[in-house]
Amino acid sequence: MTSDPSNEPGPMVTVDQDGGIAVLRLNDPRRKNGLSPEVIDALVSEIARINRDRSIRVLVLTGSEGTFSAGGNPKRMVAAGSFPDMSPLEIRDSFRYGIQRIAEAFSALETPVIAAVNGPAIGAGCDLACMCDIRIASDKARFSSSFVKLGLVPGDGGAWFLPRVVGQARAAEMLLTGAAVSAQSALEMGLVSAVVPDETLMDEAMQRARAIAANPPHATRLAKRLLRDSQNVPLETALELAAAMQALALKTEDQREAVMAFLEKRQPEFKGQ
C-alpha cells in the first residue's frame, strides 16, 4: 500500500525570498513548531546557508499556523524516561551537539533578524525569539521561560540571551516563576518593540525588513556584529572593534555611493560591494 503524500510532513522549515528579504518559517505545526532534533537540524542548516548568502540582507523568522514555537516537548522527555541510558556527561553532550547549536548559529549570523512572533513562544521558543535582533509580536503572542515548571533550567542559552533583552531583574522574574507574559506585558518590559494586530504582523515585519534592506548590506552586517560584540567587552576593546569595522566600511563601494547620493540628493543604489 502506498502512503498518502498529503499525510506526510513537509519540510521542518521553509524559506521564501523576496528580493533581499528572506522569510524563514518553522513548519512543524503538529508539534506546535517545537524544537525537535529534526527542526534543529533544518534550522541550523538554513541559518548557516543564509549567513553565506550575501543576496539576503534581512531575515524574518516566524512560525506556522498561529504558533511561534512551543520549545521542547515534555511528552518526549517522559517517553525518554529522563535519559535513562545516558550518563550526565552524555546528556551534557546531547545539549551541546543538539539544541545549543541554534544559539551558536544565531551568534555567528551577521544577517539582521526580525522575529515576527505570531503566537506562543514558550521555553526554548522564547529563547529563540531573544536570539533575534528585533522582535515584534502579534496581539495573540505570549512568552514564557517555563523551564522551572518542568524542574529544568534553560539548556539552550536562554539564561544568557534573556537578561540582555529585558535586563537582569525582569529575566530573573521570568525564569524563576516560569509565568507566561502577554504580548502587551512583553512590550512594557522591552521584550518586544511593537505589538500589532495578528492579521498585520507579517506586513509590519516586512516593513521593518525593507527599511533595513534599503541600507548598505555590508554596513548593516558590520553594525549588527559591533552591537552584539560590544555587549561583552570593555570600552577599550569596543572602541578597537569599532575602528576596525569602520576601516572595512570606509573601503566599500556602497559607502561611497551612500555619501554621493546624500550630496546629490538622490536615492542610492547599493550593490553589496
C-alpha atoms as a PDB file:
ATOM      1  CA  MET A   1       0.000   0.000   0.000  1.00  0.00           C
ATOM      2  CA  THR A   2       1.414   3.403  -0.932  1.00  0.00           C
ATOM      3  CA  SER A   3       1.350   6.217   1.589  1.00  0.00           C
ATOM      4  CA  ASP A   4      -0.831   9.246   1.074  1.00  0.00           C
ATOM      5  CA  PRO A   5       1.503  12.154   0.277  1.00  0.00           C
ATOM      6  CA  SER A   6      -0.971  14.581   1.794  1.00  0.00           C
ATOM      7  CA  ASN A   7      -0.422  12.961   5.200  1.00  0.00           C
ATOM      8  CA  GLU A   8       3.361  13.135   5.054  1.00  0.00           C
ATOM      9  CA  PRO A   9       5.026  16.031   6.867  1.00  0.00           C
ATOM     10  CA  GLY A  10       6.580  18.769   4.771  1.00  0.00           C
ATOM     11  CA  PRO A  11       9.947  20.409   5.384  1.00  0.00           C
ATOM     12  CA  MET A  12      10.624  21.305   9.014  1.00  0.00           C
ATOM     13  CA  VAL A  13      11.423  24.882   7.992  1.00  0.00           C
ATOM     14  CA  THR A  14      10.559  26.790   4.847  1.00  0.00           C
ATOM     15  CA  VAL A  15      12.387  29.768   3.360  1.00  0.00           C
ATOM     16  CA  ASP A  16      10.903  32.231   0.880  1.00  0.00           C
ATOM     17  CA  GLN A  17      12.942  35.078  -0.533  1.00  0.00           C
ATOM     18  CA  ASP A  18      11.576  38.358  -1.847  1.00  0.00           C
ATOM     19  CA  GLY A  19      14.446  40.444  -3.163  1.00  0.00           C
ATOM     20  CA  GLY A  20      16.883  40.907  -0.305  1.00  0.00           C
ATOM     21  CA  ILE A  21      14.443  39.700   2.365  1.00  0.00           C
ATOM     22  CA  ALA A  22      14.084  36.055   3.362  1.00  0.00           C
ATOM     23  CA  VAL A  23      11.233  34.695   5.482  1.00  0.00           C
ATOM     24  CA  LEU A  24      12.128  31.578   7.443  1.00  0.00           C
ATOM     25  CA  ARG A  25       9.114  29.797   8.883  1.00  0.00           C
ATOM     26  CA  LEU A  26       9.205  26.998  11.446  1.00  0.00           C
ATOM     27  CA  ASN A  27       6.945  24.401   9.880  1.00  0.00           C
ATOM     28  CA  ASP A  28       6.053  21.614  12.285  1.00  0.00           C
ATOM     29  CA  PRO A  29       2.532  22.626  13.341  1.00  0.00           C
ATOM     30  CA  ARG A  30       1.673  19.112  14.563  1.00  0.00           C
ATOM     31  CA  ARG A  31       4.189  19.700  17.366  1.00  0.00           C
ATOM     32  CA  LYS A  32       3.498  23.440  17.612  1.00  0.00           C
ATOM     33  CA  ASN A  33       6.805  24.219  15.904  1.00  0.00           C
ATOM     34  CA  GLY A  34       8.700  22.715  18.822  1.00  0.00           C
ATOM     35  CA  LEU A  35      12.463  22.462  18.552  1.00  0.00           C
ATOM     36  CA  SER A  36      12.715  18.760  17.828  1.00  0.00           C
ATOM     37  CA  PRO A  37      16.026  17.297  16.582  1.00  0.00           C
ATOM     38  CA  GLU A  38      14.646  17.465  13.048  1.00  0.00           C
ATOM     39  CA  VAL A  39      13.695  21.124  13.380  1.00  0.00           C
ATOM     40  CA  ILE A  40      17.055  21.916  14.993  1.00  0.00           C
ATOM     41  CA  ASP A  41      18.960  20.324  12.119  1.00  0.00           C
ATOM     42  CA  ALA A  42      16.893  22.121   9.497  1.00  0.00           C
ATOM     43  CA  LEU A  43      17.024  25.473  11.277  1.00  0.00           C
ATOM     44  CA  VAL A  44      20.787  25.384  11.870  1.00  0.00           C
ATOM     45  CA  SER A  45      21.401  24.363   8.270  1.00  0.00           C
ATOM     46  CA  GLU A  46      19.284  27.190   6.869  1.00  0.00           C
ATOM     47  CA  ILE A  47      20.792  29.805   9.183  1.00  0.00           C
ATOM     48  CA  ALA A  48      24.292  28.806   8.059  1.00  0.00           C
ATOM     49  CA  ARG A  49      23.234  28.983   4.408  1.00  0.00           C
ATOM     50  CA  ILE A  50      21.616  32.394   4.862  1.00  0.00           C
ATOM     51  CA  ASN A  51      24.746  33.703   6.570  1.00  0.00           C
ATOM     52  CA  ARG A  52      26.752  32.785   3.463  1.00  0.00           C
ATOM     53  CA  ASP A  53      24.213  34.212   1.033  1.00  0.00           C
ATOM     54  CA  ARG A  54      25.064  37.878   0.518  1.00  0.00           C
ATOM     55  CA  SER A  55      21.910  38.410  -1.532  1.00  0.00           C
ATOM     56  CA  ILE A  56      19.886  38.089   1.689  1.00  0.00           C
ATOM     57  CA  ARG A  57      20.031  41.405   3.515  1.00  0.00           C
ATOM     58  CA  VAL A  58      17.408  40.744   6.198  1.00  0.00           C
ATOM     59  CA  LEU A  59      15.829  37.608   7.670  1.00  0.00           C
ATOM     60  CA  VAL A  60      12.313  37.438   9.131  1.00  0.00           C
ATOM     61  CA  LEU A  61      11.738  34.470  11.447  1.00  0.00           C
ATOM     62  CA  THR A  62       8.224  33.278  12.279  1.00  0.00           C
ATOM     63  CA  GLY A  63       6.170  30.139  12.898  1.00  0.00           C
ATOM     64  CA  SER A  64       3.393  28.378  11.032  1.00  0.00           C
ATOM     65  CA  GLU A  65      -0.288  28.149  11.938  1.00  0.00           C
ATOM     66  CA  GLY A  66      -0.558  30.527  14.870  1.00  0.00           C
ATOM     67  CA  THR A  67       2.395  29.349  16.953  1.00  0.00           C
ATOM     68  CA  PHE A  68       5.903  30.772  17.023  1.00  0.00           C
ATOM     69  CA  SER A  69       7.487  27.833  18.865  1.00  0.00           C
ATOM     70  CA  ALA A  70       6.476  25.687  21.814  1.00  0.00           C
ATOM     71  CA  GLY A  71      10.132  24.936  22.566  1.00  0.00           C
ATOM     72  CA  GLY A  72      10.899  21.482  23.946  1.00  0.00           C
ATOM     73  CA  ASN A  73       8.489  18.581  24.087  1.00  0.00           C
ATOM     74  CA  PRO A  74       7.622  17.447  27.643  1.00  0.00           C
ATOM     75  CA  LYS A  75       5.975  14.260  26.295  1.00  0.00           C
ATOM     76  CA  ARG A  76       9.213  13.337  24.570  1.00  0.00           C
ATOM     77  CA  MET A  77      11.082  13.833  27.840  1.00  0.00           C
ATOM     78  CA  VAL A  78       8.699  11.462  29.606  1.00  0.00           C
ATOM     79  CA  ALA A  79       8.932   8.931  26.777  1.00  0.00           C
ATOM     80  CA  ALA A  80      12.715   9.083  27.018  1.00  0.00           C
ATOM     81  CA  GLY A  81      12.464   8.404  30.733  1.00  0.00           C
ATOM     82  CA  SER A  82      14.722  11.350  31.555  1.00  0.00           C
ATOM     83  CA  PHE A  83      17.580   9.844  29.557  1.00  0.00           C
ATOM     84  CA  PRO A  84      17.746   6.529  31.475  1.00  0.00           C
ATOM     85  CA  ASP A  85      20.618   5.072  29.446  1.00  0.00           C
ATOM     86  CA  MET A  86      22.777   8.191  29.408  1.00  0.00           C
ATOM     87  CA  SER A  87      25.328   9.432  31.910  1.00  0.00           C
ATOM     88  CA  PRO A  88      25.341  13.104  32.960  1.00  0.00           C
ATOM     89  CA  LEU A  89      28.296  13.703  30.634  1.00  0.00           C
ATOM     90  CA  GLU A  90      26.416  12.142  27.738  1.00  0.00           C
ATOM     91  CA  ILE A  91      23.358  14.263  28.499  1.00  0.00           C
ATOM     92  CA  ARG A  92      25.568  17.358  28.540  1.00  0.00           C
ATOM     93  CA  ASP A  93      26.896  16.456  25.116  1.00  0.00           C
ATOM     94  CA  SER A  94      23.350  15.901  23.829  1.00  0.00           C
ATOM     95  CA  PHE A  95      22.658  19.565  24.600  1.00  0.00           C
ATOM     96  CA  ARG A  96      25.987  20.810  23.269  1.00  0.00           C
ATOM     97  CA  TYR A  97      25.561  18.993  19.968  1.00  0.00           C
ATOM     98  CA  GLY A  98      21.794  19.398  19.898  1.00  0.00           C
ATOM     99  CA  ILE A  99      19.766  22.473  20.780  1.00  0.00           C
ATOM    100  CA  GLN A 100      22.770  24.615  21.701  1.00  0.00           C
ATOM    101  CA  ARG A 101      23.752  24.615  18.037  1.00  0.00           C
ATOM    102  CA  ILE A 102      20.872  27.051  17.475  1.00  0.00           C
ATOM    103  CA  ALA A 103      22.431  29.620  19.807  1.00  0.00           C
ATOM    104  CA  GLU A 104      25.798  29.151  18.116  1.00  0.00           C
ATOM    105  CA  ALA A 105      24.246  29.535  14.664  1.00  0.00           C
ATOM    106  CA  PHE A 106      22.449  32.749  15.592  1.00  0.00           C
ATOM    107  CA  SER A 107      25.543  34.115  17.308  1.00  0.00           C
ATOM    108  CA  ALA A 108      27.517  33.619  14.083  1.00  0.00           C
ATOM    109  CA  LEU A 109      24.743  35.054  11.894  1.00  0.00           C
ATOM    110  CA  GLU A 110      25.613  38.525  10.595  1.00  0.00           C
ATOM    111  CA  THR A 111      22.366  38.976   8.679  1.00  0.00           C
ATOM    112  CA  PRO A 112      19.909  41.141  10.686  1.00  0.00           C
ATOM    113  CA  VAL A 113      16.991  39.058  12.011  1.00  0.00           C
ATOM    114  CA  ILE A 114      13.462  40.171  12.867  1.00  0.00           C
ATOM    115  CA  ALA A 115      11.331  37.759  14.899  1.00  0.00           C
ATOM    116  CA  ALA A 116       7.668  38.029  13.923  1.00  0.00           C
ATOM    117  CA  VAL A 117       6.170  36.302  16.971  1.00  0.00           C
ATOM    118  CA  ASN A 118       2.797  35.117  15.735  1.00  0.00           C
ATOM    119  CA  GLY A 119       1.676  33.150  18.791  1.00  0.00           C
ATOM    120  CA  PRO A 120       3.039  31.351  21.849  1.00  0.00           C
ATOM    121  CA  ALA A 121       6.824  31.445  22.298  1.00  0.00           C
ATOM    122  CA  ILE A 122       7.407  29.019  25.135  1.00  0.00           C
ATOM    123  CA  GLY A 123      10.620  27.851  26.810  1.00  0.00           C
ATOM    124  CA  ALA A 124      13.247  27.431  24.122  1.00  0.00           C
ATOM    125  CA  GLY A 125      10.806  29.138  21.748  1.00  0.00           C
ATOM    126  CA  CYS A 126      11.018  32.292  23.868  1.00  0.00           C
ATOM    127  CA  ASP A 127      14.800  31.969  23.865  1.00  0.00           C
ATOM    128  CA  LEU A 128      14.756  31.622  20.077  1.00  0.00           C
ATOM    129  CA  ALA A 129      12.950  34.955  19.811  1.00  0.00           C
ATOM    130  CA  CYS A 130      15.562  36.513  22.101  1.00  0.00           C
ATOM    131  CA  MET A 131      18.321  35.357  19.744  1.00  0.00           C
ATOM    132  CA  CYS A 132      16.906  37.685  17.080  1.00  0.00           C
ATOM    133  CA  ASP A 133      17.862  41.346  16.783  1.00  0.00           C
ATOM    134  CA  ILE A 134      14.347  42.783  16.699  1.00  0.00           C
ATOM    135  CA  ARG A 135      11.105  41.268  17.965  1.00  0.00           C
ATOM    136  CA  ILE A 136       7.586  42.326  17.067  1.00  0.00           C
ATOM    137  CA  ALA A 137       4.592  40.453  18.392  1.00  0.00           C
ATOM    138  CA  SER A 138       1.086  39.673  17.311  1.00  0.00           C
ATOM    139  CA  ASP A 139      -1.536  40.588  19.881  1.00  0.00           C
ATOM    140  CA  LYS A 140      -2.051  36.829  20.170  1.00  0.00           C
ATOM    141  CA  ALA A 141       1.551  36.180  21.198  1.00  0.00           C
ATOM    142  CA  ARG A 142       2.636  35.210  24.665  1.00  0.00           C
ATOM    143  CA  PHE A 143       6.038  34.428  26.120  1.00  0.00           C
ATOM    144  CA  SER A 144       7.187  32.091  28.867  1.00  0.00           C
ATOM    145  CA  SER A 145      10.562  30.998  30.160  1.00  0.00           C
ATOM    146  CA  SER A 146       8.859  27.994  31.690  1.00  0.00           C
ATOM    147  CA  PHE A 147      11.785  25.651  32.396  1.00  0.00           C
ATOM    148  CA  VAL A 148      11.392  25.649  36.193  1.00  0.00           C
ATOM    149  CA  LYS A 149       7.814  24.424  35.799  1.00  0.00           C
ATOM    150  CA  LEU A 150       9.348  21.187  34.476  1.00  0.00           C
ATOM    151  CA  GLY A 151      12.162  21.104  37.037  1.00  0.00           C
ATOM    152  CA  LEU A 152      14.696  22.311  34.471  1.00  0.00           C
ATOM    153  CA  VAL A 153      16.947  25.239  33.607  1.00  0.00           C
ATOM    154  CA  PRO A 154      17.380  26.824  30.169  1.00  0.00           C
ATOM    155  CA  GLY A 155      19.749  24.396  28.468  1.00  0.00           C
ATOM    156  CA  ASP A 156      19.819  26.284  25.183  1.00  0.00           C
ATOM    157  CA  GLY A 157      21.481  29.556  26.197  1.00  0.00           C
ATOM    158  CA  GLY A 158      18.349  31.347  27.350  1.00  0.00           C
ATOM    159  CA  ALA A 159      19.930  32.478  30.623  1.00  0.00           C
ATOM    160  CA  TRP A 160      22.481  34.381  28.522  1.00  0.00           C
ATOM    161  CA  PHE A 161      20.093  35.888  25.952  1.00  0.00           C
ATOM    162  CA  LEU A 162      17.089  36.838  28.091  1.00  0.00           C
ATOM    163  CA  PRO A 163      18.848  39.250  30.523  1.00  0.00           C
ATOM    164  CA  ARG A 164      20.431  41.023  27.559  1.00  0.00           C
ATOM    165  CA  VAL A 165      16.964  41.701  26.198  1.00  0.00           C
ATOM    166  CA  VAL A 166      14.902  42.551  29.286  1.00  0.00           C
ATOM    167  CA  GLY A 167      17.510  43.160  32.000  1.00  0.00           C
ATOM    168  CA  GLN A 168      18.593  41.021  34.934  1.00  0.00           C
ATOM    169  CA  ALA A 169      15.621  41.652  37.233  1.00  0.00           C
ATOM    170  CA  ARG A 170      12.954  41.004  34.585  1.00  0.00           C
ATOM    171  CA  ALA A 171      14.817  37.929  33.393  1.00  0.00           C
ATOM    172  CA  ALA A 172      15.025  36.588  36.937  1.00  0.00           C
ATOM    173  CA  GLU A 173      11.282  37.070  37.397  1.00  0.00           C
ATOM    174  CA  MET A 174      10.507  35.238  34.160  1.00  0.00           C
ATOM    175  CA  LEU A 175      12.976  32.416  34.798  1.00  0.00           C
ATOM    176  CA  LEU A 176      12.192  31.846  38.468  1.00  0.00           C
ATOM    177  CA  THR A 177       8.390  31.992  38.219  1.00  0.00           C
ATOM    178  CA  GLY A 178       8.014  30.423  34.785  1.00  0.00           C
ATOM    179  CA  ALA A 179       4.910  32.571  34.385  1.00  0.00           C
ATOM    180  CA  ALA A 180       3.525  33.469  30.970  1.00  0.00           C
ATOM    181  CA  VAL A 181       3.827  37.066  29.759  1.00  0.00           C
ATOM    182  CA  SER A 182       1.235  38.623  27.472  1.00  0.00           C
ATOM    183  CA  ALA A 183       2.205  40.495  24.328  1.00  0.00           C
ATOM    184  CA  GLN A 184       1.390  43.821  25.988  1.00  0.00           C
ATOM    185  CA  SER A 185       3.469  42.978  29.059  1.00  0.00           C
ATOM    186  CA  ALA A 186       6.298  41.903  26.761  1.00  0.00           C
ATOM    187  CA  LEU A 187       6.137  45.338  25.148  1.00  0.00           C
ATOM    188  CA  GLU A 188       6.229  47.113  28.504  1.00  0.00           C
ATOM    189  CA  MET A 189       9.324  45.197  29.627  1.00  0.00           C
ATOM    190  CA  GLY A 190      11.159  45.650  26.330  1.00  0.00           C
ATOM    191  CA  LEU A 191      10.980  42.024  25.260  1.00  0.00           C
ATOM    192  CA  VAL A 192       9.363  43.190  22.007  1.00  0.00           C
ATOM    193  CA  SER A 193       9.495  46.585  20.319  1.00  0.00           C
ATOM    194  CA  ALA A 194       5.921  46.541  18.991  1.00  0.00           C
ATOM    195  CA  VAL A 195       2.614  44.706  19.348  1.00  0.00           C
ATOM    196  CA  VAL A 196       0.372  44.701  16.285  1.00  0.00           C
ATOM    197  CA  PRO A 197      -2.908  43.041  15.289  1.00  0.00           C
ATOM    198  CA  ASP A 198      -2.343  39.434  14.320  1.00  0.00           C
ATOM    199  CA  GLU A 199      -3.562  39.955  10.769  1.00  0.00           C
ATOM    200  CA  THR A 200      -0.974  42.704  10.117  1.00  0.00           C
ATOM    201  CA  LEU A 201       2.038  41.068  11.793  1.00  0.00           C
ATOM    202  CA  MET A 202       3.849  39.959   8.652  1.00  0.00           C
ATOM    203  CA  ASP A 203       3.142  43.261   6.905  1.00  0.00           C
ATOM    204  CA  GLU A 204       4.678  45.097   9.860  1.00  0.00           C
ATOM    205  CA  ALA A 205       7.671  42.740   9.913  1.00  0.00           C
ATOM    206  CA  MET A 206       8.234  43.166   6.194  1.00  0.00           C
ATOM    207  CA  GLN A 207       8.002  46.941   6.508  1.00  0.00           C
ATOM    208  CA  ARG A 208      10.818  46.906   9.064  1.00  0.00           C
ATOM    209  CA  ALA A 209      12.777  44.430   6.969  1.00  0.00           C
ATOM    210  CA  ARG A 210      12.538  46.689   3.922  1.00  0.00           C
ATOM    211  CA  ALA A 211      13.794  49.656   5.973  1.00  0.00           C
ATOM    212  CA  ILE A 212      16.887  47.624   6.920  1.00  0.00           C
ATOM    213  CA  ALA A 213      17.367  46.144   3.447  1.00  0.00           C
ATOM    214  CA  ALA A 214      17.412  49.657   1.957  1.00  0.00           C
ATOM    215  CA  ASN A 215      20.759  50.318   3.664  1.00  0.00           C
ATOM    216  CA  PRO A 216      24.216  49.149   2.503  1.00  0.00           C
ATOM    217  CA  PRO A 217      24.314  45.422   3.370  1.00  0.00           C
ATOM    218  CA  HIS A 218      27.946  45.420   4.490  1.00  0.00           C
ATOM    219  CA  ALA A 219      27.227  48.277   6.881  1.00  0.00           C
ATOM    220  CA  THR A 220      24.193  46.560   8.406  1.00  0.00           C
ATOM    221  CA  ARG A 221      26.137  43.317   8.903  1.00  0.00           C
ATOM    222  CA  LEU A 222      29.055  45.151  10.495  1.00  0.00           C
ATOM    223  CA  ALA A 223      26.729  47.262  12.665  1.00  0.00           C
ATOM    224  CA  LYS A 224      24.953  44.156  13.909  1.00  0.00           C
ATOM    225  CA  ARG A 225      28.232  42.424  14.751  1.00  0.00           C
ATOM    226  CA  LEU A 226      29.554  45.524  16.521  1.00  0.00           C
ATOM    227  CA  LEU A 227      26.347  45.859  18.536  1.00  0.00           C
ATOM    228  CA  ARG A 228      26.496  42.217  19.623  1.00  0.00           C
ATOM    229  CA  ASP A 229      30.225  42.086  20.364  1.00  0.00           C
ATOM    230  CA  SER A 230      30.281  45.373  22.259  1.00  0.00           C
ATOM    231  CA  GLN A 231      27.956  43.952  24.937  1.00  0.00           C
ATOM    232  CA  ASN A 232      30.621  41.623  26.270  1.00  0.00           C
ATOM    233  CA  VAL A 233      33.864  43.590  26.237  1.00  0.00           C
ATOM    234  CA  PRO A 234      35.389  46.641  27.990  1.00  0.00           C
ATOM    235  CA  LEU A 235      35.020  50.045  26.342  1.00  0.00           C
ATOM    236  CA  GLU A 236      38.618  49.996  25.114  1.00  0.00           C
ATOM    237  CA  THR A 237      38.008  46.753  23.237  1.00  0.00           C
ATOM    238  CA  ALA A 238      34.708  48.021  21.856  1.00  0.00           C
ATOM    239  CA  LEU A 239      36.476  51.091  20.506  1.00  0.00           C
ATOM    240  CA  GLU A 240      39.083  48.908  18.820  1.00  0.00           C
ATOM    241  CA  LEU A 241      36.326  46.822  17.241  1.00  0.00           C
ATOM    242  CA  ALA A 242      34.561  49.978  16.054  1.00  0.00           C
ATOM    243  CA  ALA A 243      37.748  51.338  14.493  1.00  0.00           C
ATOM    244  CA  ALA A 244      38.465  48.067  12.683  1.00  0.00           C
ATOM    245  CA  MET A 245      34.919  47.731  11.371  1.00  0.00           C
ATOM    246  CA  GLN A 246      34.833  51.388  10.323  1.00  0.00           C
ATOM    247  CA  ALA A 247      38.020  50.826   8.342  1.00  0.00           C
ATOM    248  CA  LEU A 248      36.301  47.981   6.490  1.00  0.00           C
ATOM    249  CA  ALA A 249      33.164  50.027   5.878  1.00  0.00           C
ATOM    250  CA  LEU A 250      35.075  53.023   4.527  1.00  0.00           C
ATOM    251  CA  LYS A 251      36.640  50.869   1.810  1.00  0.00           C
ATOM    252  CA  THR A 252      33.337  49.640   0.343  1.00  0.00           C
ATOM    253  CA  GLU A 253      31.828  50.981  -2.857  1.00  0.00           C
ATOM    254  CA  ASP A 254      28.449  51.206  -1.140  1.00  0.00           C
ATOM    255  CA  GLN A 255      29.811  53.641   1.432  1.00  0.00           C
ATOM    256  CA  ARG A 256      30.994  55.974  -1.323  1.00  0.00           C
ATOM    257  CA  GLU A 257      27.634  55.586  -3.084  1.00  0.00           C
ATOM    258  CA  ALA A 258      25.812  56.468   0.159  1.00  0.00           C
ATOM    259  CA  VAL A 259      27.790  59.683   0.550  1.00  0.00           C
ATOM    260  CA  MET A 260      27.457  60.672  -3.107  1.00  0.00           C
ATOM    261  CA  ALA A 261      23.710  60.018  -3.092  1.00  0.00           C
ATOM    262  CA  PHE A 262      23.357  62.155   0.029  1.00  0.00           C
ATOM    263  CA  LEU A 263      25.316  65.038  -1.518  1.00  0.00           C
ATOM    264  CA  GLU A 264      23.486  64.753  -4.835  1.00  0.00           C
ATOM    265  CA  LYS A 265      20.104  64.458  -3.106  1.00  0.00           C
ATOM    266  CA  ARG A 266      19.110  61.232  -4.872  1.00  0.00           C
ATOM    267  CA  GLN A 267      18.237  57.663  -3.919  1.00  0.00           C
ATOM    268  CA  PRO A 268      21.327  55.472  -3.523  1.00  0.00           C
ATOM    269  CA  GLU A 269      21.848  52.270  -5.455  1.00  0.00           C
ATOM    270  CA  PHE A 270      23.656  49.762  -3.271  1.00  0.00           C
ATOM    271  CA  LYS A 271      25.293  46.703  -4.840  1.00  0.00           C
ATOM    272  CA  GLY A 272      26.696  44.998  -1.771  1.00  0.00           C
ATOM    273  CA  GLN A 273      30.260  45.844  -2.749  1.00  0.00           C
END
